[in-house]
Amino acid sequence: METPQTINARTQAAQPYTPLAQETRANLPTSEAAYHLNRREQTLRGWACLENGPLRPMRINGRLAWPVSELRRLLGVA
């Protein structure tokens, strides 16, 4: 029989990123944005390169930063 501590530990391990509704940062790196969108990181990089995806990232020192507000809008998260 599992204890509440083991169930909680298993749940935390299955969800490695902060839920989008609780995210406090303005932008997310590609890996986290891909997780929330259920896409591969390379798909988001393709969207950024070709500028044909449903949202556009910001480029900060050559790195892609995906706006949390746009991710929320796209996914319908309040």
N, C-alpha and C. Protein backbone atom coordinates (compact mmCIF):
# COMPACT_ATOMS: atom_id res chain seq x y z
N MET A 1 0.85 -1.19 0.00
CA MET A 1 0.00 0.00 0.00
C MET A 1 0.89 1.25 0.00
N GLU A 2 0.51 2.21 -0.85
CA GLU A 2 1.30 3.44 -0.94
C GLU A 2 0.86 4.44 0.13
N THR A 3 1.84 5.13 0.66
CA THR A 3 1.55 6.18 1.62
C THR A 3 1.34 7.49 0.86
N PRO A 4 0.73 8.47 1.50
CA PRO A 4 0.55 9.76 0.83
C PRO A 4 1.86 10.40 0.38
N GLN A 5 2.94 10.14 1.10
CA GLN A 5 4.23 10.71 0.72
C GLN A 5 4.74 10.11 -0.58
N THR A 6 4.58 8.80 -0.78
CA THR A 6 5.05 8.18 -2.01
C THR A 6 4.18 8.57 -3.19
N ILE A 7 2.89 8.73 -2.96
CA ILE A 7 2.00 9.17 -4.04
C ILE A 7 2.37 10.60 -4.45
N ASN A 8 2.61 11.47 -3.48
CA ASN A 8 2.98 12.85 -3.76
C ASN A 8 4.32 12.92 -4.49
N ALA A 9 5.28 12.11 -4.08
CA ALA A 9 6.59 12.09 -4.73
C ALA A 9 6.46 11.61 -6.18
N ARG A 10 5.64 10.60 -6.42
CA ARG A 10 5.45 10.10 -7.77
C ARG A 10 4.77 11.16 -8.65
N THR A 11 3.80 11.86 -8.11
CA THR A 11 3.10 12.91 -8.86
C THR A 11 4.06 14.04 -9.21
N GLN A 12 4.92 14.44 -8.30
CA GLN A 12 5.87 15.50 -8.57
C GLN A 12 6.89 15.07 -9.62
N ALA A 13 7.27 13.82 -9.61
CA ALA A 13 8.23 13.33 -10.59
C ALA A 13 7.62 13.29 -11.98
N ALA A 14 6.33 13.04 -12.08
CA ALA A 14 5.66 12.97 -13.38
C ALA A 14 5.44 14.35 -13.97
N GLN A 15 5.44 15.39 -13.17
CA GLN A 15 5.19 16.74 -13.65
C GLN A 15 6.42 17.60 -13.35
N PRO A 16 7.39 17.60 -14.26
CA PRO A 16 8.65 18.27 -13.97
C PRO A 16 8.59 19.80 -14.05
N TYR A 17 7.59 20.36 -14.69
CA TYR A 17 7.53 21.80 -14.88
C TYR A 17 6.37 22.41 -14.10
N THR A 18 6.49 23.69 -13.79
CA THR A 18 5.43 24.42 -13.11
C THR A 18 4.20 24.49 -14.01
N PRO A 19 3.01 24.24 -13.47
CA PRO A 19 1.80 24.39 -14.29
C PRO A 19 1.72 25.81 -14.86
N LEU A 20 1.23 25.92 -16.08
CA LEU A 20 1.21 27.20 -16.77
C LEU A 20 0.37 28.24 -16.02
N ALA A 21 -0.69 27.81 -15.37
CA ALA A 21 -1.54 28.74 -14.63
C ALA A 21 -0.82 29.32 -13.41
N GLN A 22 0.20 28.62 -12.91
CA GLN A 22 0.94 29.08 -11.73
C GLN A 22 2.29 29.69 -12.08
N GLU A 23 2.62 29.74 -13.34
CA GLU A 23 3.92 30.26 -13.79
C GLU A 23 4.02 31.75 -13.53
N THR A 24 5.14 32.19 -12.93
CA THR A 24 5.32 33.60 -12.61
C THR A 24 6.32 34.30 -13.53
N ARG A 25 7.09 33.53 -14.29
CA ARG A 25 8.06 34.14 -15.20
C ARG A 25 7.34 34.70 -16.42
N ALA A 26 7.94 35.69 -17.05
CA ALA A 26 7.36 36.31 -18.24
C ALA A 26 7.59 35.45 -19.49
N ASN A 27 8.71 34.73 -19.53
CA ASN A 27 9.07 33.91 -20.69
C ASN A 27 9.58 32.56 -20.23
N LEU A 28 9.43 31.58 -21.12
CA LEU A 28 9.91 30.23 -20.84
C LEU A 28 10.92 29.81 -21.88
N PRO A 29 11.88 28.96 -21.50
CA PRO A 29 12.78 28.41 -22.51
C PRO A 29 12.05 27.42 -23.41
N THR A 30 12.66 27.07 -24.51
CA THR A 30 12.03 26.21 -25.50
C THR A 30 11.59 24.87 -24.91
N SER A 31 12.39 24.27 -24.06
CA SER A 31 12.05 22.96 -23.51
C SER A 31 10.75 23.00 -22.71
N GLU A 32 10.57 24.04 -21.90
CA GLU A 32 9.36 24.14 -21.10
C GLU A 32 8.15 24.52 -21.95
N ALA A 33 8.33 25.40 -22.92
CA ALA A 33 7.22 25.76 -23.81
C ALA A 33 6.76 24.54 -24.59
N ALA A 34 7.71 23.72 -25.06
CA ALA A 34 7.37 22.51 -25.80
C ALA A 34 6.60 21.54 -24.92
N TYR A 35 6.97 21.43 -23.67
CA TYR A 35 6.26 20.56 -22.72
C TYR A 35 4.80 20.99 -22.61
N HIS A 36 4.56 22.28 -22.41
CA HIS A 36 3.19 22.78 -22.23
C HIS A 36 2.36 22.65 -23.51
N LEU A 37 3.00 22.80 -24.66
CA LEU A 37 2.29 22.69 -25.93
C LEU A 37 2.18 21.26 -26.45
N ASN A 38 2.82 20.33 -25.74
CA ASN A 38 2.84 18.92 -26.15
C ASN A 38 3.42 18.77 -27.56
N ARG A 39 4.51 19.47 -27.78
CA ARG A 39 5.25 19.40 -29.05
C ARG A 39 6.71 19.15 -28.74
N ARG A 40 7.46 18.72 -29.73
CA ARG A 40 8.90 18.54 -29.56
C ARG A 40 9.58 19.90 -29.63
N GLU A 41 10.72 20.00 -28.98
CA GLU A 41 11.47 21.26 -28.98
C GLU A 41 11.81 21.68 -30.41
N GLN A 42 12.13 20.72 -31.24
CA GLN A 42 12.52 21.04 -32.61
C GLN A 42 11.37 21.66 -33.39
N THR A 43 10.14 21.29 -33.06
CA THR A 43 8.98 21.89 -33.72
C THR A 43 8.92 23.38 -33.41
N LEU A 44 9.13 23.74 -32.15
CA LEU A 44 9.11 25.15 -31.77
C LEU A 44 10.26 25.91 -32.41
N ARG A 45 11.41 25.28 -32.51
CA ARG A 45 12.55 25.94 -33.18
C ARG A 45 12.24 26.17 -34.66
N GLY A 46 11.55 25.23 -35.27
CA GLY A 46 11.12 25.40 -36.67
C GLY A 46 10.16 26.56 -36.82
N TRP A 47 9.19 26.65 -35.90
CA TRP A 47 8.25 27.78 -35.93
C TRP A 47 9.00 29.10 -35.83
N ALA A 48 10.01 29.15 -34.97
CA ALA A 48 10.78 30.38 -34.78
C ALA A 48 11.58 30.72 -36.03
N CYS A 49 12.18 29.73 -36.63
CA CYS A 49 13.02 29.94 -37.81
C CYS A 49 12.20 30.36 -39.02
N LEU A 50 11.10 29.64 -39.25
CA LEU A 50 10.27 29.91 -40.42
C LEU A 50 9.21 30.98 -40.18
N GLU A 51 9.04 31.37 -38.91
CA GLU A 51 8.03 32.36 -38.52
C GLU A 51 6.65 31.99 -39.04
N ASN A 52 6.27 30.72 -38.87
CA ASN A 52 4.98 30.26 -39.36
C ASN A 52 4.16 29.53 -38.30
N GLY A 53 4.56 29.62 -37.04
CA GLY A 53 3.84 28.92 -35.98
C GLY A 53 2.73 29.76 -35.38
N PRO A 54 2.01 29.19 -34.43
CA PRO A 54 0.90 29.91 -33.79
C PRO A 54 1.36 31.01 -32.83
N LEU A 55 2.64 31.03 -32.46
CA LEU A 55 3.17 32.11 -31.63
C LEU A 55 4.63 32.34 -31.99
N ARG A 56 5.10 33.52 -31.67
CA ARG A 56 6.47 33.92 -32.01
C ARG A 56 7.28 34.12 -30.74
N PRO A 57 8.47 33.59 -30.71
CA PRO A 57 9.31 33.79 -29.53
C PRO A 57 10.08 35.10 -29.60
N MET A 58 10.59 35.51 -28.46
CA MET A 58 11.54 36.62 -28.43
C MET A 58 12.92 35.99 -28.48
N ARG A 59 13.87 36.71 -29.01
CA ARG A 59 15.24 36.23 -29.03
C ARG A 59 16.05 37.07 -28.05
N ILE A 60 16.62 36.40 -27.06
CA ILE A 60 17.40 37.07 -26.03
C ILE A 60 18.80 36.48 -26.07
N ASN A 61 19.77 37.28 -26.51
CA ASN A 61 21.16 36.82 -26.66
C ASN A 61 21.25 35.53 -27.47
N GLY A 62 20.48 35.45 -28.52
CA GLY A 62 20.52 34.29 -29.40
C GLY A 62 19.69 33.11 -28.93
N ARG A 63 19.03 33.23 -27.81
CA ARG A 63 18.19 32.14 -27.29
C ARG A 63 16.72 32.50 -27.47
N LEU A 64 15.91 31.48 -27.63
CA LEU A 64 14.48 31.69 -27.80
C LEU A 64 13.80 31.76 -26.43
N ALA A 65 12.93 32.74 -26.27
CA ALA A 65 12.15 32.90 -25.05
C ALA A 65 10.69 33.01 -25.46
N TRP A 66 9.88 32.08 -24.99
CA TRP A 66 8.48 31.99 -25.39
C TRP A 66 7.61 32.69 -24.35
N PRO A 67 6.86 33.73 -24.74
CA PRO A 67 6.05 34.50 -23.78
C PRO A 67 4.96 33.64 -23.12
N VAL A 68 4.92 33.67 -21.81
CA VAL A 68 3.94 32.90 -21.05
C VAL A 68 2.53 33.39 -21.38
N SER A 69 2.35 34.69 -21.55
CA SER A 69 1.02 35.23 -21.85
C SER A 69 0.48 34.66 -23.17
N GLU A 70 1.36 34.51 -24.16
CA GLU A 70 0.93 33.94 -25.44
C GLU A 70 0.65 32.45 -25.33
N LEU A 71 1.44 31.75 -24.54
CA LEU A 71 1.19 30.33 -24.31
C LEU A 71 -0.17 30.14 -23.62
N ARG A 72 -0.45 30.96 -22.63
CA ARG A 72 -1.75 30.89 -21.93
C ARG A 72 -2.90 31.17 -22.90
N ARG A 73 -2.74 32.20 -23.72
CA ARG A 73 -3.78 32.55 -24.68
C ARG A 73 -4.02 31.39 -25.65
N LEU A 74 -2.96 30.83 -26.16
CA LEU A 74 -3.06 29.75 -27.13
C LEU A 74 -3.72 28.51 -26.54
N LEU A 75 -3.41 28.22 -25.28
CA LEU A 75 -3.95 27.02 -24.63
C LEU A 75 -5.25 27.28 -23.88
N GLY A 76 -5.66 28.53 -23.80
CA GLY A 76 -6.91 28.86 -23.11
C GLY A 76 -6.82 28.72 -21.60
N VAL A 77 -5.63 28.99 -21.05
CA VAL A 77 -5.42 28.91 -19.61
C VAL A 77 -5.59 30.31 -19.03
N ALA A 78 -6.38 30.41 -17.97
CA ALA A 78 -6.63 31.73 -17.37
C ALA A 78 -5.44 32.23 -16.59
